[in-house]
Amino acid sequence: MTLIEDHITLKALKIAGIEAMTIYQGIKSIMEDDRIEVHIIPVQKRYK
């Protein structure tokens, strides 16, 4: 039952336009590639 509910929720979010958001694109790339890329901008320049 949970899988069906998740599918319905995902369809509703797609209809609402979440596909254009960067968080959705990031999650989609993680699910497709099975890897995580982390890009960090240092808070202070001395930590580069």
PDB file of N, CA and C in Angstrom:
ATOM      1  N   MET A   1       0.819  -1.198   0.000  1.00  0.00           N
ATOM      2  CA  MET A   1       0.000   0.000   0.000  1.00  0.00           C
ATOM      3  C   MET A   1       0.864   1.264   0.000  1.00  0.00           C
ATOM      4  N   THR A   2       1.972   1.215   0.712  1.00  0.00           N
ATOM      5  CA  THR A   2       2.841   2.388   0.789  1.00  0.00           C
ATOM      6  C   THR A   2       3.398   2.748  -0.579  1.00  0.00           C
ATOM      7  N   LEU A   3       3.750   1.759  -1.376  1.00  0.00           N
ATOM      8  CA  LEU A   3       4.288   2.015  -2.711  1.00  0.00           C
ATOM      9  C   LEU A   3       3.268   2.745  -3.583  1.00  0.00           C
ATOM     10  N   ILE A   4       2.025   2.353  -3.483  1.00  0.00           N
ATOM     11  CA  ILE A   4       0.967   3.011  -4.257  1.00  0.00           C
ATOM     12  C   ILE A   4       0.790   4.454  -3.789  1.00  0.00           C
ATOM     13  N   GLU A   5       0.810   4.659  -2.464  1.00  0.00           N
ATOM     14  CA  GLU A   5       0.669   6.017  -1.928  1.00  0.00           C
ATOM     15  C   GLU A   5       1.835   6.896  -2.356  1.00  0.00           C
ATOM     16  N   ASP A   6       3.049   6.347  -2.339  1.00  0.00           N
ATOM     17  CA  ASP A   6       4.218   7.104  -2.778  1.00  0.00           C
ATOM     18  C   ASP A   6       4.115   7.473  -4.253  1.00  0.00           C
ATOM     19  N   HIS A   7       3.629   6.551  -5.064  1.00  0.00           N
ATOM     20  CA  HIS A   7       3.475   6.805  -6.495  1.00  0.00           C
ATOM     21  C   HIS A   7       2.451   7.918  -6.737  1.00  0.00           C
ATOM     22  N   ILE A   8       1.345   7.866  -6.015  1.00  0.00           N
ATOM     23  CA  ILE A   8       0.312   8.897  -6.164  1.00  0.00           C
ATOM     24  C   ILE A   8       0.853  10.252  -5.720  1.00  0.00           C
ATOM     25  N   THR A   9       1.605  10.275  -4.618  1.00  0.00           N
ATOM     26  CA  THR A   9       2.193  11.524  -4.131  1.00  0.00           C
ATOM     27  C   THR A   9       3.168  12.090  -5.145  1.00  0.00           C
ATOM     28  N   LEU A  10       4.001  11.241  -5.725  1.00  0.00           N
ATOM     29  CA  LEU A  10       4.964  11.692  -6.726  1.00  0.00           C
ATOM     30  C   LEU A  10       4.257  12.244  -7.960  1.00  0.00           C
ATOM     31  N   LYS A  11       3.198  11.589  -8.396  1.00  0.00           N
ATOM     32  CA  LYS A  11       2.428  12.092  -9.542  1.00  0.00           C
ATOM     33  C   LYS A  11       1.835  13.470  -9.239  1.00  0.00           C
ATOM     34  N   ALA A  12       1.318  13.647  -8.027  1.00  0.00           N
ATOM     35  CA  ALA A  12       0.733  14.937  -7.649  1.00  0.00           C
ATOM     36  C   ALA A  12       1.796  16.030  -7.622  1.00  0.00           C
ATOM     37  N   LEU A  13       2.980  15.710  -7.122  1.00  0.00           N
ATOM     38  CA  LEU A  13       4.063  16.693  -7.090  1.00  0.00           C
ATOM     39  C   LEU A  13       4.519  17.059  -8.497  1.00  0.00           C
ATOM     40  N   LYS A  14       4.543  16.080  -9.401  1.00  0.00           N
ATOM     41  CA  LYS A  14       4.913  16.364 -10.788  1.00  0.00           C
ATOM     42  C   LYS A  14       3.893  17.289 -11.440  1.00  0.00           C
ATOM     43  N   ILE A  15       2.622  17.053 -11.172  1.00  0.00           N
ATOM     44  CA  ILE A  15       1.576  17.914 -11.716  1.00  0.00           C
ATOM     45  C   ILE A  15       1.713  19.329 -11.165  1.00  0.00           C
ATOM     46  N   ALA A  16       2.142  19.439  -9.904  1.00  0.00           N
ATOM     47  CA  ALA A  16       2.294  20.753  -9.269  1.00  0.00           C
ATOM     48  C   ALA A  16       3.515  21.509  -9.781  1.00  0.00           C
ATOM     49  N   GLY A  17       4.377  20.836 -10.533  1.00  0.00           N
ATOM     50  CA  GLY A  17       5.522  21.511 -11.133  1.00  0.00           C
ATOM     51  C   GLY A  17       6.824  21.367 -10.376  1.00  0.00           C
ATOM     52  N   ILE A  18       6.948  20.339  -9.556  1.00  0.00           N
ATOM     53  CA  ILE A  18       8.165  20.164  -8.767  1.00  0.00           C
ATOM     54  C   ILE A  18       9.353  19.726  -9.625  1.00  0.00           C
ATOM     55  N   GLU A  19       9.106  19.222 -10.819  1.00  0.00           N
ATOM     56  CA  GLU A  19      10.199  18.745 -11.671  1.00  0.00           C
ATOM     57  C   GLU A  19      11.175  19.849 -12.045  1.00  0.00           C
ATOM     58  N   ALA A  20      10.728  21.090 -12.017  1.00  0.00           N
ATOM     59  CA  ALA A  20      11.600  22.214 -12.366  1.00  0.00           C
ATOM     60  C   ALA A  20      12.503  22.629 -11.207  1.00  0.00           C
ATOM     61  N   MET A  21      12.209  22.157 -10.009  1.00  0.00           N
ATOM     62  CA  MET A  21      12.988  22.551  -8.833  1.00  0.00           C
ATOM     63  C   MET A  21      14.296  21.770  -8.773  1.00  0.00           C
ATOM     64  N   THR A  22      15.345  22.425  -8.293  1.00  0.00           N
ATOM     65  CA  THR A  22      16.662  21.788  -8.241  1.00  0.00           C
ATOM     66  C   THR A  22      16.713  20.623  -7.267  1.00  0.00           C
ATOM     67  N   ILE A  23      15.939  20.658  -6.190  1.00  0.00           N
ATOM     68  CA  ILE A  23      15.955  19.554  -5.227  1.00  0.00           C
ATOM     69  C   ILE A  23      15.419  18.280  -5.874  1.00  0.00           C
ATOM     70  N   TYR A  24      14.400  18.404  -6.712  1.00  0.00           N
ATOM     71  CA  TYR A  24      13.856  17.238  -7.410  1.00  0.00           C
ATOM     72  C   TYR A  24      14.875  16.683  -8.394  1.00  0.00           C
ATOM     73  N   GLN A  25      15.533  17.566  -9.119  1.00  0.00           N
ATOM     74  CA  GLN A  25      16.536  17.128 -10.084  1.00  0.00           C
ATOM     75  C   GLN A  25      17.698  16.437  -9.380  1.00  0.00           C
ATOM     76  N   GLY A  26      18.082  16.924  -8.212  1.00  0.00           N
ATOM     77  CA  GLY A  26      19.152  16.291  -7.446  1.00  0.00           C
ATOM     78  C   GLY A  26      18.770  14.902  -6.975  1.00  0.00           C
ATOM     79  N   ILE A  27      17.563  14.769  -6.457  1.00  0.00           N
ATOM     80  CA  ILE A  27      17.090  13.462  -5.995  1.00  0.00           C
ATOM     81  C   ILE A  27      16.978  12.494  -7.163  1.00  0.00           C
ATOM     82  N   LYS A  28      16.495  12.980  -8.285  1.00  0.00           N
ATOM     83  CA  LYS A  28      16.347  12.124  -9.470  1.00  0.00           C
ATOM     84  C   LYS A  28      17.705  11.619  -9.952  1.00  0.00           C
ATOM     85  N   SER A  29      18.722  12.488  -9.939  1.00  0.00           N
ATOM     86  CA  SER A  29      20.046  12.059 -10.391  1.00  0.00           C
ATOM     87  C   SER A  29      20.655  11.046  -9.431  1.00  0.00           C
ATOM     88  N   ILE A  30      20.397  11.191  -8.132  1.00  0.00           N
ATOM     89  CA  ILE A  30      20.890  10.212  -7.159  1.00  0.00           C
ATOM     90  C   ILE A  30      20.236   8.861  -7.405  1.00  0.00           C
ATOM     91  N   MET A  31      18.937   8.855  -7.650  1.00  0.00           N
ATOM     92  CA  MET A  31      18.225   7.601  -7.866  1.00  0.00           C
ATOM     93  C   MET A  31      18.653   6.928  -9.164  1.00  0.00           C
ATOM     94  N   GLU A  32      18.936   7.705 -10.200  1.00  0.00           N
ATOM     95  CA  GLU A  32      19.317   7.126 -11.486  1.00  0.00           C
ATOM     96  C   GLU A  32      20.765   6.643 -11.499  1.00  0.00           C
ATOM     97  N   ASP A  33      21.674   7.407 -10.900  1.00  0.00           N
ATOM     98  CA  ASP A  33      23.100   7.097 -10.978  1.00  0.00           C
ATOM     99  C   ASP A  33      23.622   6.289  -9.802  1.00  0.00           C
ATOM    100  N   ASP A  34      22.848   6.172  -8.733  1.00  0.00           N
ATOM    101  CA  ASP A  34      23.279   5.499  -7.502  1.00  0.00           C
ATOM    102  C   ASP A  34      24.544   6.112  -6.926  1.00  0.00           C
ATOM    103  N   ARG A  35      24.690   7.418  -7.038  1.00  0.00           N
ATOM    104  CA  ARG A  35      25.839   8.091  -6.440  1.00  0.00           C
ATOM    105  C   ARG A  35      25.416   9.481  -5.987  1.00  0.00           C
ATOM    106  N   ILE A  36      26.184  10.024  -5.078  1.00  0.00           N
ATOM    107  CA  ILE A  36      25.893  11.347  -4.530  1.00  0.00           C
ATOM    108  C   ILE A  36      27.081  12.249  -4.798  1.00  0.00           C
ATOM    109  N   GLU A  37      26.812  13.433  -5.324  1.00  0.00           N
ATOM    110  CA  GLU A  37      27.853  14.433  -5.537  1.00  0.00           C
ATOM    111  C   GLU A  37      27.602  15.583  -4.577  1.00  0.00           C
ATOM    112  N   VAL A  38      28.640  15.976  -3.872  1.00  0.00           N
ATOM    113  CA  VAL A  38      28.516  17.067  -2.914  1.00  0.00           C
ATOM    114  C   VAL A  38      29.394  18.214  -3.375  1.00  0.00           C
ATOM    115  N   HIS A  39      28.794  19.378  -3.524  1.00  0.00           N
ATOM    116  CA  HIS A  39      29.526  20.584  -3.896  1.00  0.00           C
ATOM    117  C   HIS A  39      29.429  21.561  -2.733  1.00  0.00           C
ATOM    118  N   ILE A  40      30.581  21.896  -2.176  1.00  0.00           N
ATOM    119  CA  ILE A  40      30.600  22.753  -0.999  1.00  0.00           C
ATOM    120  C   ILE A  40      31.340  24.043  -1.315  1.00  0.00           C
ATOM    121  N   ILE A  41      30.740  25.154  -0.949  1.00  0.00           N
ATOM    122  CA  ILE A  41      31.394  26.452  -1.054  1.00  0.00           C
ATOM    123  C   ILE A  41      31.904  26.794   0.338  1.00  0.00           C
ATOM    124  N   PRO A  42      33.196  27.051   0.501  1.00  0.00           N
ATOM    125  CA  PRO A  42      33.723  27.328   1.843  1.00  0.00           C
ATOM    126  C   PRO A  42      33.144  28.613   2.428  1.00  0.00           C
ATOM    127  N   VAL A  43      32.916  28.579   3.742  1.00  0.00           N
ATOM    128  CA  VAL A  43      32.382  29.748   4.428  1.00  0.00           C
ATOM    129  C   VAL A  43      33.445  30.837   4.505  1.00  0.00           C
ATOM    130  N   GLN A  44      34.664  30.428   4.828  1.00  0.00           N
ATOM    131  CA  GLN A  44      35.778  31.367   4.879  1.00  0.00           C
ATOM    132  C   GLN A  44      36.826  30.925   3.874  1.00  0.00           C
ATOM    133  N   LYS A  45      37.506  31.871   3.277  1.00  0.00           N
ATOM    134  CA  LYS A  45      38.452  31.545   2.215  1.00  0.00           C
ATOM    135  C   LYS A  45      39.637  30.730   2.707  1.00  0.00           C
ATOM    136  N   ARG A  46      39.990  30.810   3.963  1.00  0.00           N
ATOM    137  CA  ARG A  46      41.160  30.075   4.451  1.00  0.00           C
ATOM    138  C   ARG A  46      40.920  28.564   4.525  1.00  0.00           C
ATOM    139  N   TYR A  47      39.686  28.122   4.371  1.00  0.00           N
ATOM    140  CA  TYR A  47      39.375  26.697   4.435  1.00  0.00           C
ATOM    141  C   TYR A  47      39.342  26.029   3.069  1.00  0.00           C
ATOM    142  N   LYS A  48      39.826  26.672   2.038  1.00  0.00           N
ATOM    143  CA  LYS A  48      39.854  26.066   0.708  1.00  0.00           C
ATOM    144  C   LYS A  48      40.779  24.944   0.734  1.00  0.00           C
TER     145      LYS A  48
END
